[in-house]
PDB file of all heavy atoms in Angstrom:
ATOM      1  N   LEU A   1      96.817  94.960  79.790  1.00  0.00           N
ATOM      2  CA  LEU A   1      95.644  94.466  79.262  1.00  0.00           C
ATOM      3  C   LEU A   1      94.444  95.399  79.445  1.00  0.00           C
ATOM      4  O   LEU A   1      93.412  95.130  78.889  1.00  0.00           O
ATOM      5  CB  LEU A   1      95.318  93.093  79.982  1.00  0.00           C
ATOM      6  CG  LEU A   1      96.306  91.976  79.707  1.00  0.00           C
ATOM      7  CD1 LEU A   1      96.031  90.828  80.550  1.00  0.00           C
ATOM      8  CD2 LEU A   1      96.188  91.592  78.222  1.00  0.00           C
ATOM      9  N   GLY A   2      94.648  96.394  80.248  1.00  0.00           N
ATOM     10  CA  GLY A   2      93.555  97.331  80.551  1.00  0.00           C
ATOM     11  C   GLY A   2      92.539  96.737  81.551  1.00  0.00           C
ATOM     12  O   GLY A   2      91.371  97.141  81.581  1.00  0.00           O
ATOM     13  N   ILE A   3      93.024  95.920  82.416  1.00  0.00           N
ATOM     14  CA  ILE A   3      92.244  95.407  83.533  1.00  0.00           C
ATOM     15  C   ILE A   3      92.901  95.801  84.778  1.00  0.00           C
ATOM     16  O   ILE A   3      93.977  95.378  85.095  1.00  0.00           O
ATOM     17  CB  ILE A   3      92.142  93.835  83.433  1.00  0.00           C
ATOM     18  CG1 ILE A   3      91.476  93.414  82.014  1.00  0.00           C
ATOM     19  CG2 ILE A   3      91.360  93.242  84.640  1.00  0.00           C
ATOM     20  CD1 ILE A   3      91.505  91.925  81.795  1.00  0.00           C
ATOM     21  N   ARG A   4      92.167  96.586  85.546  1.00  0.00           N
ATOM     22  CA  ARG A   4      92.718  97.192  86.798  1.00  0.00           C
ATOM     23  C   ARG A   4      92.648  96.246  87.949  1.00  0.00           C
ATOM     24  O   ARG A   4      91.648  95.747  88.226  1.00  0.00           O
ATOM     25  CB  ARG A   4      91.995  98.518  87.041  1.00  0.00           C
ATOM     26  CG  ARG A   4      92.606  99.207  88.226  1.00  0.00           C
ATOM     27  CD  ARG A   4      91.859 100.557  88.291  1.00  0.00           C
ATOM     28  NE  ARG A   4      92.349 101.269  89.498  1.00  0.00           N
ATOM     29  CZ  ARG A   4      91.624 102.105  90.173  1.00  0.00           C
ATOM     30  NH1 ARG A   4      90.480 102.528  89.630  1.00  0.00           N
ATOM     31  NH2 ARG A   4      92.092 102.724  91.210  1.00  0.00           N
ATOM     32  N   GLY A   5      93.767  96.080  88.597  1.00  0.00           N
ATOM     33  CA  GLY A   5      93.790  95.284  89.855  1.00  0.00           C
ATOM     34  C   GLY A   5      93.505  96.231  90.994  1.00  0.00           C
ATOM     35  O   GLY A   5      94.164  97.194  91.269  1.00  0.00           O
ATOM     36  N   LEU A   6      92.277  95.955  91.591  1.00  0.00           N
ATOM     37  CA  LEU A   6      91.788  96.877  92.617  1.00  0.00           C
ATOM     38  C   LEU A   6      92.458  96.600  94.012  1.00  0.00           C
ATOM     39  O   LEU A   6      92.635  97.473  94.851  1.00  0.00           O
ATOM     40  CB  LEU A   6      90.301  96.825  92.786  1.00  0.00           C
ATOM     41  CG  LEU A   6      89.537  97.202  91.525  1.00  0.00           C
ATOM     42  CD1 LEU A   6      88.093  96.972  91.847  1.00  0.00           C
ATOM     43  CD2 LEU A   6      89.789  98.669  91.150  1.00  0.00           C
ATOM     44  N   ASP A   7      92.782  95.282  94.226  1.00  0.00           N
ATOM     45  CA  ASP A   7      93.314  94.925  95.527  1.00  0.00           C
ATOM     46  C   ASP A   7      94.058  93.620  95.405  1.00  0.00           C
ATOM     47  O   ASP A   7      93.748  92.828  94.491  1.00  0.00           O
ATOM     48  CB  ASP A   7      92.278  94.856  96.649  1.00  0.00           C
ATOM     49  CG  ASP A   7      92.839  95.126  98.054  1.00  0.00           C
ATOM     50  OD1 ASP A   7      94.072  95.074  98.220  1.00  0.00           O
ATOM     51  OD2 ASP A   7      92.020  95.320  98.967  1.00  0.00           O
ATOM     52  N   TYR A   8      94.893  93.300  96.374  1.00  0.00           N
ATOM     53  CA  TYR A   8      95.588  92.073  96.471  1.00  0.00           C
ATOM     54  C   TYR A   8      95.490  91.682  97.932  1.00  0.00           C
ATOM     55  O   TYR A   8      95.922  92.402  98.828  1.00  0.00           O
ATOM     56  CB  TYR A   8      97.000  92.197  96.101  1.00  0.00           C
ATOM     57  CG  TYR A   8      97.821  90.952  96.101  1.00  0.00           C
ATOM     58  CD1 TYR A   8      97.747  89.959  95.119  1.00  0.00           C
ATOM     59  CD2 TYR A   8      98.635  90.686  97.248  1.00  0.00           C
ATOM     60  CE1 TYR A   8      98.511  88.833  95.221  1.00  0.00           C
ATOM     61  CE2 TYR A   8      99.367  89.522  97.286  1.00  0.00           C
ATOM     62  CZ  TYR A   8      99.323  88.589  96.283  1.00  0.00           C
ATOM     63  OH  TYR A   8     100.044  87.378  96.416  1.00  0.00           O
ATOM     64  N   ILE A   9      94.743  90.583  98.256  1.00  0.00           N
ATOM     65  CA  ILE A   9      94.395  90.254  99.626  1.00  0.00           C
ATOM     66  C   ILE A   9      94.985  88.916  99.971  1.00  0.00           C
ATOM     67  O   ILE A   9      95.055  87.986  99.166  1.00  0.00           O
ATOM     68  CB  ILE A   9      92.856  90.152  99.795  1.00  0.00           C
ATOM     69  CG1 ILE A   9      92.299  91.566  99.572  1.00  0.00           C
ATOM     70  CG2 ILE A   9      92.493  89.541 101.113  1.00  0.00           C
ATOM     71  CD1 ILE A   9      90.782  91.737  99.611  1.00  0.00           C
ATOM     72  N   ILE A  10      95.543  88.819 101.189  1.00  0.00           N
ATOM     73  CA  ILE A  10      96.036  87.559 101.771  1.00  0.00           C
ATOM     74  C   ILE A  10      95.102  87.173 102.964  1.00  0.00           C
ATOM     75  O   ILE A  10      94.952  87.983 103.833  1.00  0.00           O
ATOM     76  CB  ILE A  10      97.486  87.672 102.250  1.00  0.00           C
ATOM     77  CG1 ILE A  10      98.385  88.064 101.013  1.00  0.00           C
ATOM     78  CG2 ILE A  10      97.908  86.350 102.805  1.00  0.00           C
ATOM     79  CD1 ILE A  10      99.793  88.375 101.408  1.00  0.00           C
ATOM     80  N   VAL A  11      94.487  86.024 102.897  1.00  0.00           N
ATOM     81  CA  VAL A  11      93.575  85.556 103.890  1.00  0.00           C
ATOM     82  C   VAL A  11      94.378  84.653 104.948  1.00  0.00           C
ATOM     83  O   VAL A  11      95.110  83.774 104.503  1.00  0.00           O
ATOM     84  CB  VAL A  11      92.455  84.729 103.246  1.00  0.00           C
ATOM     85  CG1 VAL A  11      91.563  84.103 104.299  1.00  0.00           C
ATOM     86  CG2 VAL A  11      91.705  85.576 102.242  1.00  0.00           C
ATOM     87  N   GLY A  12      94.140  85.013 106.133  1.00  0.00           N
ATOM     88  CA  GLY A  12      94.789  84.177 107.298  1.00  0.00           C
ATOM     89  C   GLY A  12      93.692  83.472 108.012  1.00  0.00           C
ATOM     90  O   GLY A  12      92.593  83.212 107.587  1.00  0.00           O
ATOM     91  N   ALA A  13      94.030  83.159 109.310  1.00  0.00           N
ATOM     92  CA  ALA A  13      93.057  82.448 110.154  1.00  0.00           C
ATOM     93  C   ALA A  13      92.240  83.381 110.946  1.00  0.00           C
ATOM     94  O   ALA A  13      92.517  84.542 111.172  1.00  0.00           O
ATOM     95  CB  ALA A  13      93.897  81.524 111.157  1.00  0.00           C
ATOM     96  N   GLY A  14      91.039  82.863 111.292  1.00  0.00           N
ATOM     97  CA  GLY A  14      90.047  83.600 112.155  1.00  0.00           C
ATOM     98  C   GLY A  14      89.633  84.892 111.594  1.00  0.00           C
ATOM     99  O   GLY A  14      89.339  85.929 112.370  1.00  0.00           O
ATOM    100  N   GLY A  15      89.522  85.105 110.281  1.00  0.00           N
ATOM    101  CA  GLY A  15      89.087  86.336 109.674  1.00  0.00           C
ATOM    102  C   GLY A  15      90.165  87.350 109.572  1.00  0.00           C
ATOM    103  O   GLY A  15      89.938  88.409 108.982  1.00  0.00           O
ATOM    104  N   ALA A  16      91.369  87.038 109.887  1.00  0.00           N
ATOM    105  CA  ALA A  16      92.499  87.979 109.638  1.00  0.00           C
ATOM    106  C   ALA A  16      92.838  88.028 108.169  1.00  0.00           C
ATOM    107  O   ALA A  16      92.731  87.013 107.507  1.00  0.00           O
ATOM    108  CB  ALA A  16      93.782  87.487 110.443  1.00  0.00           C
ATOM    109  N   TYR A  17      93.154  89.198 107.706  1.00  0.00           N
ATOM    110  CA  TYR A  17      93.578  89.372 106.310  1.00  0.00           C
ATOM    111  C   TYR A  17      94.509  90.609 106.159  1.00  0.00           C
ATOM    112  O   TYR A  17      94.640  91.467 107.095  1.00  0.00           O
ATOM    113  CB  TYR A  17      92.360  89.534 105.384  1.00  0.00           C
ATOM    114  CG  TYR A  17      91.590  90.879 105.594  1.00  0.00           C
ATOM    115  CD1 TYR A  17      91.940  91.967 104.796  1.00  0.00           C
ATOM    116  CD2 TYR A  17      90.627  90.996 106.535  1.00  0.00           C
ATOM    117  CE1 TYR A  17      91.267  93.160 104.947  1.00  0.00           C
ATOM    118  CE2 TYR A  17      89.955  92.222 106.677  1.00  0.00           C
ATOM    119  CZ  TYR A  17      90.273  93.271 105.903  1.00  0.00           C
ATOM    120  OH  TYR A  17      89.573  94.424 106.040  1.00  0.00           O
ATOM    121  N   TRP A  18      95.202  90.603 105.041  1.00  0.00           N
ATOM    122  CA  TRP A  18      96.040  91.821 104.780  1.00  0.00           C
ATOM    123  C   TRP A  18      95.586  92.195 103.338  1.00  0.00           C
ATOM    124  O   TRP A  18      95.368  91.387 102.487  1.00  0.00           O
ATOM    125  CB  TRP A  18      97.530  91.363 104.653  1.00  0.00           C
ATOM    126  CG  TRP A  18      98.471  92.446 104.186  1.00  0.00           C
ATOM    127  CD1 TRP A  18      98.952  93.471 105.034  1.00  0.00           C
ATOM    128  CD2 TRP A  18      98.843  92.760 102.912  1.00  0.00           C
ATOM    129  NE1 TRP A  18      99.745  94.259 104.291  1.00  0.00           N
ATOM    130  CE2 TRP A  18      99.736  93.870 103.007  1.00  0.00           C
ATOM    131  CE3 TRP A  18      98.639  92.188 101.663  1.00  0.00           C
ATOM    132  CZ2 TRP A  18     100.242  94.396 101.909  1.00  0.00           C
ATOM    133  CZ3 TRP A  18      99.246  92.747 100.527  1.00  0.00           C
ATOM    134  CH2 TRP A  18     100.104  93.849 100.635  1.00  0.00           C
ATOM    135  N   SER A  19      95.341  93.540 103.212  1.00  0.00           N
ATOM    136  CA  SER A  19      94.918  94.114 101.919  1.00  0.00           C
ATOM    137  C   SER A  19      95.977  95.102 101.490  1.00  0.00           C
ATOM    138  O   SER A  19      96.371  95.997 102.192  1.00  0.00           O
ATOM    139  CB  SER A  19      93.640  94.792 102.193  1.00  0.00           C
ATOM    140  OG  SER A  19      93.425  95.808 101.191  1.00  0.00           O
ATOM    141  N   ALA A  20      96.466  94.938 100.240  1.00  0.00           N
ATOM    142  CA  ALA A  20      97.487  95.805  99.652  1.00  0.00           C
ATOM    143  C   ALA A  20      96.939  97.250  99.571  1.00  0.00           C
ATOM    144  O   ALA A  20      97.521  98.190  99.784  1.00  0.00           O
ATOM    145  CB  ALA A  20      97.924  95.382  98.328  1.00  0.00           C
ATOM    146  N   GLN A  21      95.577  97.304  99.182  1.00  0.00           N
ATOM    147  CA  GLN A  21      94.947  98.613  99.077  1.00  0.00           C
ATOM    148  C   GLN A  21      94.857  99.327 100.429  1.00  0.00           C
ATOM    149  O   GLN A  21      95.233 100.535 100.576  1.00  0.00           O
ATOM    150  CB  GLN A  21      93.469  98.424  98.563  1.00  0.00           C
ATOM    151  CG  GLN A  21      92.754  99.786  98.366  1.00  0.00           C
ATOM    152  CD  GLN A  21      91.293  99.562  98.006  1.00  0.00           C
ATOM    153  OE1 GLN A  21      90.821  98.484  97.717  1.00  0.00           O
ATOM    154  NE2 GLN A  21      90.591 100.667  97.942  1.00  0.00           N
ATOM    155  N   ALA A  22      94.399  98.678 101.398  1.00  0.00           N
ATOM    156  CA  ALA A  22      94.356  99.243 102.844  1.00  0.00           C
ATOM    157  C   ALA A  22      95.771  99.554 103.318  1.00  0.00           C
ATOM    158  O   ALA A  22      95.923 100.575 104.098  1.00  0.00           O
ATOM    159  CB  ALA A  22      93.631  98.337 103.729  1.00  0.00           C
ATOM    160  N   ALA A  23      96.793  98.819 102.971  1.00  0.00           N
ATOM    161  CA  ALA A  23      98.129  99.085 103.399  1.00  0.00           C
ATOM    162  C   ALA A  23      98.819 100.131 102.663  1.00  0.00           C
ATOM    163  O   ALA A  23      99.902 100.487 102.914  1.00  0.00           O
ATOM    164  CB  ALA A  23      98.890  97.769 103.402  1.00  0.00           C
ATOM    165  N   GLY A  24      98.156 100.606 101.499  1.00  0.00           N
ATOM    166  CA  GLY A  24      98.780 101.609 100.704  1.00  0.00           C
ATOM    167  C   GLY A  24      99.874 101.011  99.856  1.00  0.00           C
ATOM    168  O   GLY A  24     100.778 101.760  99.432  1.00  0.00           O
ATOM    169  N   CYS A  25      99.795  99.713  99.545  1.00  0.00           N
ATOM    170  CA  CYS A  25     100.863  99.065  98.770  1.00  0.00           C
ATOM    171  C   CYS A  25     100.423  98.756  97.339  1.00  0.00           C
ATOM    172  O   CYS A  25     101.240  98.063  96.626  1.00  0.00           O
ATOM    173  CB  CYS A  25     101.190  97.709  99.481  1.00  0.00           C
ATOM    174  SG  CYS A  25     101.952  97.964 101.108  1.00  0.00           S
ATOM    175  N   MET A  26      99.310  99.166  96.862  1.00  0.00           N
ATOM    176  CA  MET A  26      98.923  98.832  95.478  1.00  0.00           C
ATOM    177  C   MET A  26      99.791  99.689  94.563  1.00  0.00           C
ATOM    178  O   MET A  26      99.889 100.887  94.688  1.00  0.00           O
ATOM    179  CB  MET A  26      97.464  99.250  95.235  1.00  0.00           C
ATOM    180  CG  MET A  26      96.463  98.260  95.778  1.00  0.00           C
ATOM    181  SD  MET A  26      96.715  96.471  95.173  1.00  0.00           S
ATOM    182  CE  MET A  26      96.237  96.629  93.461  1.00  0.00           C
ATOM    183  N   PRO A  27     100.476  98.996  93.572  1.00  0.00           N
ATOM    184  CA  PRO A  27     101.315  99.741  92.608  1.00  0.00           C
ATOM    185  C   PRO A  27     100.565 100.716  91.782  1.00  0.00           C
ATOM    186  O   PRO A  27      99.333 100.399  91.469  1.00  0.00           O
ATOM    187  CB  PRO A  27     101.901  98.655  91.761  1.00  0.00           C
ATOM    188  CG  PRO A  27     101.782  97.433  92.531  1.00  0.00           C
ATOM    189  CD  PRO A  27     100.571  97.593  93.401  1.00  0.00           C
ATOM    190  N   ARG A  28     101.083 101.906  91.470  1.00  0.00           N
ATOM    191  CA  ARG A  28     100.443 102.799  90.617  1.00  0.00           C
ATOM    192  C   ARG A  28     100.645 102.431  89.154  1.00  0.00           C
ATOM    193  O   ARG A  28     101.759 102.354  88.766  1.00  0.00           O
ATOM    194  CB  ARG A  28     100.969 104.270  90.868  1.00  0.00           C
ATOM    195  CG  ARG A  28     100.578 104.802  92.244  1.00  0.00           C
ATOM    196  CD  ARG A  28     100.902 106.236  92.343  1.00  0.00           C
ATOM    197  NE  ARG A  28     100.686 106.737  93.615  1.00  0.00           N
ATOM    198  CZ  ARG A  28      99.550 107.174  94.110  1.00  0.00           C
ATOM    199  NH1 ARG A  28      98.452 107.144  93.309  1.00  0.00           N
ATOM    200  NH2 ARG A  28      99.396 107.591  95.347  1.00  0.00           N
ATOM    201  N   THR A  29      99.538 102.157  88.469  1.00  0.00           N
ATOM    202  CA  THR A  29      99.602 101.810  87.113  1.00  0.00           C
ATOM    203  C   THR A  29      98.555 102.628  86.326  1.00  0.00           C
ATOM    204  O   THR A  29      97.513 102.973  86.873  1.00  0.00           O
ATOM    205  CB  THR A  29      99.364 100.261  86.886  1.00  0.00           C
ATOM    206  OG1 THR A  29      98.105  99.973  87.450  1.00  0.00           O
ATOM    207  CG2 THR A  29     100.470  99.487  87.536  1.00  0.00           C
TER     208      THR A  29
END
């Protein structure tokens, strides 16, 4: 579609989160 996904984040408890970008897991497209 020409819309770039910059990150994929999972929010947990107490401010904890996982970021695909920070983890180096964003697919190259």
